[in-house]
Amino acid sequence: MSKRLNTSSSKRPDVSTDSLLDHVPLLNILSAQDRQRILPELSETRYGKDDVIFREGDPTEYFHIVKEGTVKCVKSTANGKECTLKMLMPGDLFCCDAAAFDGGCHPGTAQPMGNVSILRMHRKAYFDMLKRNPAAAMEVIKYLGNRLNEAQEKTKILALDRADQRLAALLADFGARNGIKETQGIRLPMRLTRQDMANMIGATTETVIRIMSRFKRARLVSGTANRLVILNLQQLKSFASG
């Protein structure tokens, strides 16, 4: 049974949380007044590496936001293996949001990759706000339309881009969004296995191993799954764009 490190509910978020919401989808589209009304509805929970935030098939009762740390979303295959769908970093909203809107179940399991702090808000509180504010509801419709376009673009990339371009784009995105600048380069603050990368770019583990060896020889990256460093972020981005 998983055990939460600490739970604090019905707690008014601090200034850092308020600032974080500027970057959170479905919340940054709200007016300042509506956002202030939403803040008291947020509660914060801390989880450890061996905990589970929610499991595949659980009802989507809450919107979740990563405040600190990294969360991995995985889906179980028919033979019991786990497939990594995506990595979530501070400011990322996850539930998934489409399932939360239609009242469905979580399509995957959310697992902390270390100690994390998660903000959550009950979907009813958000929907009540939308009922009071038709303009905000229209912004949500635009947001969901953009998410659909992003999904279609990702499908096109998986179909047309080479595996090495997809991997370069993945690593560049992680480095740009949440990398830690060090003397050697930009360190990724999460453990990222070859299997994780393979799952997220739609390739085999063997293909990812070969590509990472090439990237290391080209001095684009260095290190291991526990400590992966991007040595040249701009060159990695250029490689990803072809």
C-alpha atoms as a PDB file:
ATOM      1  CA  MET A   1       0.000   0.000   0.000  1.00  0.00           C
ATOM      2  CA  SER A   2       1.377   3.439  -0.930  1.00  0.00           C
ATOM      3  CA  LYS A   3       1.977   5.995   1.756  1.00  0.00           C
ATOM      4  CA  ARG A   4       1.868   9.744   1.330  1.00  0.00           C
ATOM      5  CA  LEU A   5       4.672  11.747   2.854  1.00  0.00           C
ATOM      6  CA  ASN A   6       2.360  14.490   4.008  1.00  0.00           C
ATOM      7  CA  THR A   7      -1.132  15.679   3.239  1.00  0.00           C
ATOM      8  CA  SER A   8      -2.545  19.141   3.706  1.00  0.00           C
ATOM      9  CA  SER A   9      -6.016  19.848   2.398  1.00  0.00           C
ATOM     10  CA  SER A  10      -8.138  22.982   2.215  1.00  0.00           C
ATOM     11  CA  LYS A  11      -4.946  24.980   2.524  1.00  0.00           C
ATOM     12  CA  ARG A  12      -4.700  28.345   0.791  1.00  0.00           C
ATOM     13  CA  PRO A  13      -1.770  28.123  -1.646  1.00  0.00           C
ATOM     14  CA  ASP A  14       1.278  30.315  -1.063  1.00  0.00           C
ATOM     15  CA  VAL A  15       2.699  32.995  -3.346  1.00  0.00           C
ATOM     16  CA  SER A  16       4.848  30.486  -5.260  1.00  0.00           C
ATOM     17  CA  THR A  17       1.745  28.441  -6.059  1.00  0.00           C
ATOM     18  CA  ASP A  18      -0.078  31.546  -7.283  1.00  0.00           C
ATOM     19  CA  SER A  19       2.839  32.335  -9.608  1.00  0.00           C
ATOM     20  CA  LEU A  20       2.972  28.731 -10.823  1.00  0.00           C
ATOM     21  CA  LEU A  21      -0.637  28.949 -12.020  1.00  0.00           C
ATOM     22  CA  ASP A  22       0.447  31.494 -14.633  1.00  0.00           C
ATOM     23  CA  HIS A  23       1.874  28.534 -16.564  1.00  0.00           C
ATOM     24  CA  VAL A  24      -0.849  25.936 -15.922  1.00  0.00           C
ATOM     25  CA  PRO A  25      -3.272  25.131 -18.773  1.00  0.00           C
ATOM     26  CA  LEU A  26      -6.965  25.559 -17.908  1.00  0.00           C
ATOM     27  CA  LEU A  27      -6.001  28.001 -15.115  1.00  0.00           C
ATOM     28  CA  ASN A  28      -3.841  30.595 -16.874  1.00  0.00           C
ATOM     29  CA  ILE A  29      -6.738  31.264 -19.260  1.00  0.00           C
ATOM     30  CA  LEU A  30      -8.845  32.546 -16.355  1.00  0.00           C
ATOM     31  CA  SER A  31      -9.150  36.189 -15.375  1.00  0.00           C
ATOM     32  CA  ALA A  32      -7.280  37.317 -12.261  1.00  0.00           C
ATOM     33  CA  GLN A  33     -10.585  37.499 -10.369  1.00  0.00           C
ATOM     34  CA  ASP A  34     -11.652  33.966 -11.330  1.00  0.00           C
ATOM     35  CA  ARG A  35      -8.227  32.616 -10.483  1.00  0.00           C
ATOM     36  CA  GLN A  36      -8.408  34.109  -7.004  1.00  0.00           C
ATOM     37  CA  ARG A  37     -11.741  32.365  -6.517  1.00  0.00           C
ATOM     38  CA  ILE A  38     -10.184  29.058  -7.583  1.00  0.00           C
ATOM     39  CA  LEU A  39      -7.084  29.263  -5.349  1.00  0.00           C
ATOM     40  CA  PRO A  40      -8.880  28.269  -2.112  1.00  0.00           C
ATOM     41  CA  GLU A  41     -10.108  25.119  -3.888  1.00  0.00           C
ATOM     42  CA  LEU A  42      -6.540  23.864  -4.372  1.00  0.00           C
ATOM     43  CA  SER A  43      -5.024  21.437  -1.874  1.00  0.00           C
ATOM     44  CA  GLU A  44      -1.436  20.229  -1.742  1.00  0.00           C
ATOM     45  CA  THR A  45      -0.241  16.660  -1.194  1.00  0.00           C
ATOM     46  CA  ARG A  46       3.295  15.266  -1.023  1.00  0.00           C
ATOM     47  CA  TYR A  47       4.187  11.831  -2.361  1.00  0.00           C
ATOM     48  CA  GLY A  48       7.319   9.664  -2.292  1.00  0.00           C
ATOM     49  CA  LYS A  49       8.927   7.634  -5.058  1.00  0.00           C
ATOM     50  CA  ASP A  50       7.086   4.404  -4.202  1.00  0.00           C
ATOM     51  CA  ASP A  51       3.651   6.056  -3.984  1.00  0.00           C
ATOM     52  CA  VAL A  52       0.935   6.182  -6.623  1.00  0.00           C
ATOM     53  CA  ILE A  53      -0.968   9.427  -7.218  1.00  0.00           C
ATOM     54  CA  PHE A  54      -3.749   7.674  -9.120  1.00  0.00           C
ATOM     55  CA  ARG A  55      -4.078   4.393 -10.966  1.00  0.00           C
ATOM     56  CA  GLU A  56      -5.208   3.508 -14.451  1.00  0.00           C
ATOM     57  CA  GLY A  57      -8.989   3.042 -14.351  1.00  0.00           C
ATOM     58  CA  ASP A  58      -9.566   5.320 -11.323  1.00  0.00           C
ATOM     59  CA  PRO A  59     -12.343   7.918 -11.754  1.00  0.00           C
ATOM     60  CA  THR A  60     -11.126  11.393 -12.762  1.00  0.00           C
ATOM     61  CA  GLU A  61     -12.433  13.412  -9.829  1.00  0.00           C
ATOM     62  CA  TYR A  62      -9.605  15.962  -9.700  1.00  0.00           C
ATOM     63  CA  PHE A  63      -7.357  18.069 -11.871  1.00  0.00           C
ATOM     64  CA  HIS A  64      -3.726  17.540 -10.762  1.00  0.00           C
ATOM     65  CA  ILE A  65      -0.822  19.980 -11.110  1.00  0.00           C
ATOM     66  CA  VAL A  66       2.850  19.226 -10.520  1.00  0.00           C
ATOM     67  CA  LYS A  67       4.246  21.833  -8.117  1.00  0.00           C
ATOM     68  CA  GLU A  68       7.631  20.224  -7.356  1.00  0.00           C
ATOM     69  CA  GLY A  69       9.406  17.170  -8.745  1.00  0.00           C
ATOM     70  CA  THR A  70       8.703  14.911 -11.727  1.00  0.00           C
ATOM     71  CA  VAL A  71       5.816  12.488 -12.339  1.00  0.00           C
ATOM     72  CA  LYS A  72       5.748   9.619 -14.822  1.00  0.00           C
ATOM     73  CA  CYS A  73       2.499   8.555 -16.481  1.00  0.00           C
ATOM     74  CA  VAL A  74       2.487   4.876 -17.454  1.00  0.00           C
ATOM     75  CA  LYS A  75       0.008   2.511 -19.060  1.00  0.00           C
ATOM     76  CA  SER A  76      -0.109  -1.237 -18.566  1.00  0.00           C
ATOM     77  CA  THR A  77      -0.013  -3.454 -21.634  1.00  0.00           C
ATOM     78  CA  ALA A  78      -2.057  -6.637 -22.074  1.00  0.00           C
ATOM     79  CA  ASN A  79       0.884  -8.789 -20.928  1.00  0.00           C
ATOM     80  CA  GLY A  80       1.389  -6.751 -17.757  1.00  0.00           C
ATOM     81  CA  LYS A  81       4.321  -4.594 -18.881  1.00  0.00           C
ATOM     82  CA  GLU A  82       4.353  -0.844 -18.255  1.00  0.00           C
ATOM     83  CA  CYS A  83       4.698   1.674 -21.079  1.00  0.00           C
ATOM     84  CA  THR A  84       5.755   5.253 -20.249  1.00  0.00           C
ATOM     85  CA  LEU A  85       3.388   7.737 -21.860  1.00  0.00           C
ATOM     86  CA  LYS A  86       5.001  11.001 -20.737  1.00  0.00           C
ATOM     87  CA  MET A  87       6.971  12.798 -18.044  1.00  0.00           C
ATOM     88  CA  LEU A  88       5.317  15.637 -16.142  1.00  0.00           C
ATOM     89  CA  MET A  89       7.232  18.555 -14.656  1.00  0.00           C
ATOM     90  CA  PRO A  90       6.412  21.615 -12.491  1.00  0.00           C
ATOM     91  CA  GLY A  91       3.514  23.553 -13.998  1.00  0.00           C
ATOM     92  CA  ASP A  92       2.143  20.563 -15.918  1.00  0.00           C
ATOM     93  CA  LEU A  93      -1.538  19.752 -15.555  1.00  0.00           C
ATOM     94  CA  PHE A  94      -2.484  16.090 -15.685  1.00  0.00           C
ATOM     95  CA  CYS A  95      -5.559  13.928 -15.101  1.00  0.00           C
ATOM     96  CA  CYS A  96      -5.949  13.538 -18.189  1.00  0.00           C
ATOM     97  CA  ASP A  97      -7.976  16.683 -18.772  1.00  0.00           C
ATOM     98  CA  ALA A  98     -10.128  15.192 -21.552  1.00  0.00           C
ATOM     99  CA  ALA A  99     -11.190  12.345 -19.251  1.00  0.00           C
ATOM    100  CA  ALA A 100     -11.949  14.827 -16.471  1.00  0.00           C
ATOM    101  CA  PHE A 101     -14.275  16.759 -18.741  1.00  0.00           C
ATOM    102  CA  ASP A 102     -16.270  13.758 -19.942  1.00  0.00           C
ATOM    103  CA  GLY A 103     -16.276  11.981 -16.564  1.00  0.00           C
ATOM    104  CA  GLY A 104     -14.207   9.053 -17.780  1.00  0.00           C
ATOM    105  CA  CYS A 105     -11.459   7.107 -16.017  1.00  0.00           C
ATOM    106  CA  HIS A 106      -7.738   7.767 -15.924  1.00  0.00           C
ATOM    107  CA  PRO A 107      -6.116   6.197 -19.020  1.00  0.00           C
ATOM    108  CA  GLY A 108      -2.833   5.684 -17.164  1.00  0.00           C
ATOM    109  CA  THR A 109      -1.153   5.526 -13.746  1.00  0.00           C
ATOM    110  CA  ALA A 110       0.698   8.537 -12.282  1.00  0.00           C
ATOM    111  CA  GLN A 111       3.895   7.615 -10.423  1.00  0.00           C
ATOM    112  CA  PRO A 112       6.282  10.061  -8.672  1.00  0.00           C
ATOM    113  CA  MET A 113       9.916   9.771  -9.767  1.00  0.00           C
ATOM    114  CA  GLY A 114      11.097  10.980  -6.366  1.00  0.00           C
ATOM    115  CA  ASN A 115       9.616  13.248  -3.714  1.00  0.00           C
ATOM    116  CA  VAL A 116       6.951  15.401  -5.362  1.00  0.00           C
ATOM    117  CA  SER A 117       4.404  18.012  -4.385  1.00  0.00           C
ATOM    118  CA  ILE A 118       1.055  17.852  -6.173  1.00  0.00           C
ATOM    119  CA  LEU A 119      -1.728  20.435  -6.229  1.00  0.00           C
ATOM    120  CA  ARG A 120      -5.202  19.169  -6.922  1.00  0.00           C
ATOM    121  CA  MET A 121      -8.621  20.705  -7.465  1.00  0.00           C
ATOM    122  CA  HIS A 122     -11.965  18.933  -7.630  1.00  0.00           C
ATOM    123  CA  ARG A 123     -13.445  19.036 -11.112  1.00  0.00           C
ATOM    124  CA  LYS A 124     -16.790  20.275  -9.732  1.00  0.00           C
ATOM    125  CA  ALA A 125     -15.167  23.482  -8.405  1.00  0.00           C
ATOM    126  CA  TYR A 126     -13.720  24.210 -11.833  1.00  0.00           C
ATOM    127  CA  PHE A 127     -16.966  23.422 -13.649  1.00  0.00           C
ATOM    128  CA  ASP A 128     -18.937  25.649 -11.259  1.00  0.00           C
ATOM    129  CA  MET A 129     -16.616  28.512 -12.172  1.00  0.00           C
ATOM    130  CA  LEU A 130     -17.152  27.876 -15.892  1.00  0.00           C
ATOM    131  CA  LYS A 131     -20.930  27.998 -15.418  1.00  0.00           C
ATOM    132  CA  ARG A 132     -20.540  31.462 -13.891  1.00  0.00           C
ATOM    133  CA  ASN A 133     -18.204  32.636 -16.639  1.00  0.00           C
ATOM    134  CA  PRO A 134     -19.140  31.861 -20.276  1.00  0.00           C
ATOM    135  CA  ALA A 135     -16.037  33.714 -21.545  1.00  0.00           C
ATOM    136  CA  ALA A 136     -13.800  31.344 -19.593  1.00  0.00           C
ATOM    137  CA  ALA A 137     -15.782  28.389 -20.962  1.00  0.00           C
ATOM    138  CA  MET A 138     -15.026  29.562 -24.505  1.00  0.00           C
ATOM    139  CA  GLU A 139     -11.314  29.697 -23.656  1.00  0.00           C
ATOM    140  CA  VAL A 140     -11.506  26.103 -22.438  1.00  0.00           C
ATOM    141  CA  ILE A 141     -13.061  25.060 -25.754  1.00  0.00           C
ATOM    142  CA  LYS A 142     -10.137  26.742 -27.563  1.00  0.00           C
ATOM    143  CA  TYR A 143      -7.666  24.991 -25.251  1.00  0.00           C
ATOM    144  CA  LEU A 144      -9.168  21.549 -25.922  1.00  0.00           C
ATOM    145  CA  GLY A 145      -9.114  22.294 -29.648  1.00  0.00           C
ATOM    146  CA  ASN A 146      -5.413  23.103 -29.398  1.00  0.00           C
ATOM    147  CA  ARG A 147      -4.804  19.865 -27.506  1.00  0.00           C
ATOM    148  CA  LEU A 148      -6.493  17.955 -30.347  1.00  0.00           C
ATOM    149  CA  ASN A 149      -4.255  19.716 -32.880  1.00  0.00           C
ATOM    150  CA  GLU A 150      -1.199  18.838 -30.772  1.00  0.00           C
ATOM    151  CA  ALA A 151      -2.244  15.182 -30.690  1.00  0.00           C
ATOM    152  CA  GLN A 152      -2.640  15.178 -34.464  1.00  0.00           C
ATOM    153  CA  GLU A 153       0.777  16.824 -34.887  1.00  0.00           C
ATOM    154  CA  LYS A 154       2.367  14.234 -32.599  1.00  0.00           C
ATOM    155  CA  THR A 155       0.830  11.454 -34.676  1.00  0.00           C
ATOM    156  CA  LYS A 156       2.291  13.033 -37.814  1.00  0.00           C
ATOM    157  CA  ILE A 157       5.739  13.334 -36.190  1.00  0.00           C
ATOM    158  CA  LEU A 158       5.678   9.687 -35.119  1.00  0.00           C
ATOM    159  CA  ALA A 159       4.789   8.706 -38.663  1.00  0.00           C
ATOM    160  CA  LEU A 160       7.180  10.955 -40.599  1.00  0.00           C
ATOM    161  CA  ASP A 161      10.161  12.004 -38.458  1.00  0.00           C
ATOM    162  CA  ARG A 162      13.141   9.722 -37.967  1.00  0.00           C
ATOM    163  CA  ALA A 163      13.619   8.095 -34.547  1.00  0.00           C
ATOM    164  CA  ASP A 164      16.787  10.117 -33.891  1.00  0.00           C
ATOM    165  CA  GLN A 165      14.922  13.372 -34.590  1.00  0.00           C
ATOM    166  CA  ARG A 166      12.125  12.341 -32.232  1.00  0.00           C
ATOM    167  CA  LEU A 167      14.596  11.474 -29.476  1.00  0.00           C
ATOM    168  CA  ALA A 168      16.500  14.735 -29.948  1.00  0.00           C
ATOM    169  CA  ALA A 169      13.232  16.677 -29.713  1.00  0.00           C
ATOM    170  CA  LEU A 170      12.247  14.826 -26.524  1.00  0.00           C
ATOM    171  CA  LEU A 171      15.564  15.485 -24.785  1.00  0.00           C
ATOM    172  CA  ALA A 172      15.666  19.107 -25.942  1.00  0.00           C
ATOM    173  CA  ASP A 173      12.160  19.674 -24.579  1.00  0.00           C
ATOM    174  CA  PHE A 174      13.073  18.216 -21.184  1.00  0.00           C
ATOM    175  CA  GLY A 175      16.258  20.277 -21.051  1.00  0.00           C
ATOM    176  CA  ALA A 176      14.590  23.532 -22.046  1.00  0.00           C
ATOM    177  CA  ARG A 177      11.641  23.128 -19.695  1.00  0.00           C
ATOM    178  CA  ASN A 178      13.173  21.763 -16.532  1.00  0.00           C
ATOM    179  CA  GLY A 179      16.912  21.280 -17.012  1.00  0.00           C
ATOM    180  CA  ILE A 180      19.394  22.369 -14.351  1.00  0.00           C
ATOM    181  CA  LYS A 181      22.306  24.424 -15.659  1.00  0.00           C
ATOM    182  CA  GLU A 182      25.702  23.131 -14.582  1.00  0.00           C
ATOM    183  CA  THR A 183      29.286  23.734 -15.670  1.00  0.00           C
ATOM    184  CA  GLN A 184      29.247  20.740 -18.002  1.00  0.00           C
ATOM    185  CA  GLY A 185      25.851  21.472 -19.527  1.00  0.00           C
ATOM    186  CA  ILE A 186      22.157  21.065 -18.673  1.00  0.00           C
ATOM    187  CA  ARG A 187      21.336  18.170 -16.355  1.00  0.00           C
ATOM    188  CA  LEU A 188      17.921  16.515 -16.548  1.00  0.00           C
ATOM    189  CA  PRO A 189      16.442  16.310 -13.011  1.00  0.00           C
ATOM    190  CA  MET A 190      14.885  12.883 -13.418  1.00  0.00           C
ATOM    191  CA  ARG A 191      15.936   9.290 -13.993  1.00  0.00           C
ATOM    192  CA  LEU A 192      15.305   8.604 -17.655  1.00  0.00           C
ATOM    193  CA  THR A 193      15.874   5.023 -18.814  1.00  0.00           C
ATOM    194  CA  ARG A 194      16.359   3.910 -22.408  1.00  0.00           C
ATOM    195  CA  GLN A 195      13.043   2.057 -22.117  1.00  0.00           C
ATOM    196  CA  ASP A 196      11.285   5.259 -21.000  1.00  0.00           C
ATOM    197  CA  MET A 197      12.669   7.144 -23.991  1.00  0.00           C
ATOM    198  CA  ALA A 198      11.765   4.322 -26.375  1.00  0.00           C
ATOM    199  CA  ASN A 199       8.170   4.291 -25.147  1.00  0.00           C
ATOM    200  CA  MET A 200       7.779   8.052 -25.511  1.00  0.00           C
ATOM    201  CA  ILE A 201       9.129   8.274 -29.077  1.00  0.00           C
ATOM    202  CA  GLY A 202       7.614   5.048 -30.419  1.00  0.00           C
ATOM    203  CA  ALA A 203      10.864   3.144 -30.963  1.00  0.00           C
ATOM    204  CA  THR A 204      12.545   0.009 -29.656  1.00  0.00           C
ATOM    205  CA  THR A 205      14.961   0.091 -26.734  1.00  0.00           C
ATOM    206  CA  GLU A 206      17.746  -1.175 -29.008  1.00  0.00           C
ATOM    207  CA  THR A 207      17.158   1.753 -31.401  1.00  0.00           C
ATOM    208  CA  VAL A 208      17.358   4.253 -28.552  1.00  0.00           C
ATOM    209  CA  ILE A 209      20.606   2.674 -27.281  1.00  0.00           C
ATOM    210  CA  ARG A 210      22.177   3.080 -30.732  1.00  0.00           C
ATOM    211  CA  ILE A 211      20.978   6.671 -31.081  1.00  0.00           C
ATOM    212  CA  MET A 212      22.202   7.643 -27.609  1.00  0.00           C
ATOM    213  CA  SER A 213      25.627   6.191 -28.451  1.00  0.00           C
ATOM    214  CA  ARG A 214      25.724   8.423 -31.550  1.00  0.00           C
ATOM    215  CA  PHE A 215      24.604  11.448 -29.520  1.00  0.00           C
ATOM    216  CA  LYS A 216      27.397  10.803 -27.017  1.00  0.00           C
ATOM    217  CA  ARG A 217      30.023  10.473 -29.739  1.00  0.00           C
ATOM    218  CA  ALA A 218      28.778  13.747 -31.221  1.00  0.00           C
ATOM    219  CA  ARG A 219      29.077  15.386 -27.765  1.00  0.00           C
ATOM    220  CA  LEU A 220      25.366  16.207 -27.651  1.00  0.00           C
ATOM    221  CA  VAL A 221      24.740  14.345 -24.377  1.00  0.00           C
ATOM    222  CA  SER A 222      26.649  12.495 -21.683  1.00  0.00           C
ATOM    223  CA  GLY A 223      25.937  10.415 -18.585  1.00  0.00           C
ATOM    224  CA  THR A 224      23.560   7.621 -17.678  1.00  0.00           C
ATOM    225  CA  ALA A 225      19.872   7.158 -16.865  1.00  0.00           C
ATOM    226  CA  ASN A 226      20.461   8.468 -13.333  1.00  0.00           C
ATOM    227  CA  ARG A 227      22.378  11.544 -14.461  1.00  0.00           C
ATOM    228  CA  LEU A 228      21.808  12.558 -18.063  1.00  0.00           C
ATOM    229  CA  VAL A 229      23.433  15.830 -19.174  1.00  0.00           C
ATOM    230  CA  ILE A 230      22.717  17.752 -22.380  1.00  0.00           C
ATOM    231  CA  LEU A 231      26.035  19.159 -23.570  1.00  0.00           C
ATOM    232  CA  ASN A 232      24.725  21.230 -26.490  1.00  0.00           C
ATOM    233  CA  LEU A 233      21.036  22.147 -26.301  1.00  0.00           C
ATOM    234  CA  GLN A 234      20.989  24.328 -29.435  1.00  0.00           C
ATOM    235  CA  GLN A 235      22.634  21.670 -31.564  1.00  0.00           C
ATOM    236  CA  LEU A 236      20.185  19.080 -30.206  1.00  0.00           C
ATOM    237  CA  LYS A 237      17.258  21.357 -31.175  1.00  0.00           C
ATOM    238  CA  SER A 238      18.725  21.857 -34.654  1.00  0.00           C
ATOM    239  CA  PHE A 239      19.112  18.116 -35.085  1.00  0.00           C
ATOM    240  CA  ALA A 240      15.481  17.583 -34.032  1.00  0.00           C
ATOM    241  CA  SER A 241      14.196  20.059 -36.626  1.00  0.00           C
ATOM    242  CA  GLY A 242      16.108  18.258 -39.381  1.00  0.00           C
END
